Amino acid sequence: MSRTSVFLLVLLVLVIGLVAGVFSLYTKNSSLETELDRINERLEETEQQLREARFQVRLGELRDLSARLYWQVNRNNFDTAGEISTRYFDALRRLSDSVPGSELASSLEELLARRDEVTARLARADSGVGSMIEQIFVQTHNATAEAQLPAEAAER
């Protein structure tokens, strides 16, 4: 074989090796991109589940505060009830603001409308506030029991 033939043969083997290497990297890259897409989809699903779980925790905390408020009023612990009332209505406001325009938000706004009266009656240690707090307790549980994170809020 002549030197030219050997050179061309070596060059041909190198080009074939290079093409094979590039093809191998291309298929590996495609496989990795597909895997990355699947991982991103699972991540989005997991993030949505996490948002829903956090929302349910907030609802549970609100129900807990309404129960604690009801309990303290029934025990005539108006000072403690006043502190819990403040936390309850603040949590109610934050939750309502996080789901604007939803059915849940309108239910929470109805509860928020009672804030001033509840605060004043607790400050006076008015034992008649108990029936109002009982209504708030029941309405809080009814409004939040089956509530789901609205789609608009879930996308945030």
Protein backbone atom coordinates (compact mmCIF):
# COMPACT_ATOMS: atom_id res chain seq x y z
CA MET A 1 0.00 0.00 0.00
CA SER A 2 1.13 3.45 -0.77
CA ARG A 3 1.43 6.15 1.79
CA THR A 4 -1.53 7.96 0.30
CA SER A 5 -3.73 4.88 0.62
CA VAL A 6 -2.66 4.38 4.23
CA PHE A 7 -3.28 8.03 4.97
CA LEU A 8 -6.75 7.90 3.38
CA LEU A 9 -7.57 4.68 5.23
CA VAL A 10 -6.51 6.21 8.57
CA LEU A 11 -8.46 9.38 7.74
CA LEU A 12 -11.53 7.31 6.84
CA VAL A 13 -11.31 5.36 10.14
CA LEU A 14 -10.99 8.65 12.07
CA VAL A 15 -13.98 10.17 10.28
CA ILE A 16 -16.07 7.04 10.92
CA GLY A 17 -15.01 7.13 14.58
CA LEU A 18 -15.86 10.81 14.81
CA VAL A 19 -19.30 10.31 13.22
CA ALA A 20 -19.98 7.36 15.51
CA GLY A 21 -18.95 9.42 18.56
CA VAL A 22 -21.11 12.37 17.55
CA PHE A 23 -24.10 10.07 16.91
CA SER A 24 -23.57 8.41 20.28
CA LEU A 25 -23.47 11.79 22.04
CA TYR A 26 -26.57 12.93 20.14
CA THR A 27 -28.60 9.88 21.17
CA LYS A 28 -27.36 10.19 24.75
CA ASN A 29 -28.34 13.89 24.76
CA SER A 30 -31.82 13.06 23.42
CA SER A 31 -32.24 10.42 26.09
CA LEU A 32 -31.15 12.85 28.80
CA GLU A 33 -33.51 15.57 27.52
CA THR A 34 -36.42 13.11 27.60
CA GLU A 35 -35.51 12.11 31.14
CA LEU A 36 -35.20 15.77 32.14
CA ASP A 37 -38.68 16.49 30.74
CA ARG A 38 -40.13 13.61 32.78
CA ILE A 39 -38.36 14.86 35.91
CA ASN A 40 -39.64 18.41 35.33
CA GLU A 41 -43.21 17.11 34.94
CA ARG A 42 -42.91 15.15 38.19
CA LEU A 43 -41.42 18.22 39.88
CA GLU A 44 -44.37 20.37 38.77
CA GLU A 45 -46.82 17.76 40.07
CA THR A 46 -44.95 17.57 43.37
CA GLU A 47 -44.87 21.35 43.70
CA GLN A 48 -48.63 21.47 43.08
CA GLN A 49 -49.18 18.80 45.73
CA LEU A 50 -47.00 20.80 48.11
CA ARG A 51 -48.99 24.00 47.45
CA GLU A 52 -52.24 22.10 48.10
CA ALA A 53 -50.83 20.56 51.29
CA ARG A 54 -49.69 23.97 52.56
CA PHE A 55 -53.13 25.36 51.78
CA GLN A 56 -54.78 22.53 53.71
CA VAL A 57 -52.45 23.20 56.66
CA ARG A 58 -53.50 26.86 56.64
CA LEU A 59 -57.15 25.81 56.62
CA GLY A 60 -56.49 23.45 59.51
CA GLU A 61 -54.74 26.17 61.48
CA LEU A 62 -57.72 28.46 60.92
CA ARG A 63 -60.13 25.77 62.13
CA ASP A 64 -57.87 25.19 65.13
CA LEU A 65 -57.86 28.89 66.01
CA SER A 66 -61.67 29.06 65.76
CA ALA A 67 -61.95 26.02 68.06
CA ARG A 68 -59.50 27.52 70.56
CA LEU A 69 -61.39 30.81 70.47
CA TYR A 70 -64.68 29.03 71.10
CA TRP A 71 -63.14 27.04 73.95
CA GLN A 72 -61.69 30.12 75.68
CA VAL A 73 -64.95 32.08 75.39
CA ASN A 74 -66.88 29.17 76.89
CA ARG A 75 -64.44 29.17 79.79
CA ASN A 76 -64.91 32.96 80.18
CA ASN A 77 -61.19 33.55 79.48
CA PHE A 78 -61.89 36.74 77.57
CA ASP A 79 -58.30 38.06 77.63
CA THR A 80 -56.96 34.84 76.11
CA ALA A 81 -59.91 34.74 73.73
CA GLY A 82 -59.06 38.28 72.63
CA GLU A 83 -55.50 37.26 71.79
CA ILE A 84 -56.70 34.21 69.88
CA SER A 85 -59.33 36.32 68.14
CA THR A 86 -56.63 38.65 66.81
CA ARG A 87 -54.62 35.70 65.49
CA TYR A 88 -57.76 34.11 64.03
CA PHE A 89 -58.87 37.23 62.15
CA ASP A 90 -55.32 37.97 60.93
CA ALA A 91 -55.05 34.41 59.59
CA LEU A 92 -58.50 34.76 58.08
CA ARG A 93 -57.43 37.96 56.28
CA ARG A 94 -54.23 36.38 54.92
CA LEU A 95 -56.12 33.34 53.69
CA SER A 96 -58.86 35.43 52.09
CA ASP A 97 -56.25 37.58 50.33
CA SER A 98 -54.53 34.48 48.96
CA VAL A 99 -57.67 33.21 47.17
CA PRO A 100 -59.30 36.37 45.73
CA GLY A 101 -62.54 36.02 43.83
CA SER A 102 -63.18 32.47 44.98
CA GLU A 103 -66.21 31.09 46.80
CA LEU A 104 -63.95 30.48 49.79
CA ALA A 105 -62.85 34.13 49.79
CA SER A 106 -66.45 35.35 49.94
CA SER A 107 -67.17 32.99 52.86
CA LEU A 108 -64.08 34.22 54.67
CA GLU A 109 -65.00 37.87 53.99
CA GLU A 110 -68.37 37.24 55.69
CA LEU A 111 -66.50 36.00 58.75
CA LEU A 112 -64.10 38.96 58.62
CA ALA A 113 -67.05 41.36 58.73
CA ARG A 114 -67.57 40.33 62.37
CA ARG A 115 -64.07 41.24 63.52
CA ASP A 116 -64.85 44.64 65.06
CA GLU A 117 -67.93 43.45 66.93
CA VAL A 118 -66.17 40.34 68.27
CA THR A 119 -63.15 42.39 69.34
CA ALA A 120 -65.31 44.95 71.14
CA ARG A 121 -67.42 42.33 72.90
CA LEU A 122 -64.38 40.36 74.01
CA ALA A 123 -62.78 43.56 75.34
CA ARG A 124 -65.92 44.18 77.41
CA ALA A 125 -65.91 40.54 78.58
CA ASP A 126 -69.46 40.27 77.24
CA SER A 127 -70.58 36.71 77.99
CA GLY A 128 -73.18 37.03 75.21
CA VAL A 129 -70.39 36.87 72.64
CA GLY A 130 -70.40 33.09 73.05
CA SER A 131 -73.23 32.52 70.58
CA MET A 132 -71.50 34.71 68.01
CA ILE A 133 -68.23 32.81 68.48
CA GLU A 134 -70.12 29.53 68.15
CA GLN A 135 -71.51 30.72 64.81
CA ILE A 136 -68.02 31.76 63.70
CA PHE A 137 -66.68 28.35 64.73
CA VAL A 138 -69.37 26.51 62.74
CA GLN A 139 -69.06 28.80 59.70
CA THR A 140 -65.27 28.46 59.71
CA HIS A 141 -65.53 24.70 59.71
CA ASN A 142 -68.23 24.69 57.03
CA ALA A 143 -66.29 27.08 54.78
CA THR A 144 -62.99 25.23 55.07
CA ALA A 145 -63.96 21.58 55.44
CA GLU A 146 -64.07 20.74 51.73
CA ALA A 147 -62.15 23.73 50.38
CA GLN A 148 -59.58 23.15 47.67
CA LEU A 149 -56.85 25.48 46.51
CA PRO A 150 -58.41 27.51 43.66
CA ALA A 151 -56.72 27.00 40.28
CA GLU A 152 -55.70 30.68 40.08
CA ALA A 153 -53.97 30.45 43.45
CA ALA A 154 -52.38 27.10 42.59
CA GLU A 155 -50.54 28.64 39.66
CA ARG A 156 -48.79 31.24 41.81
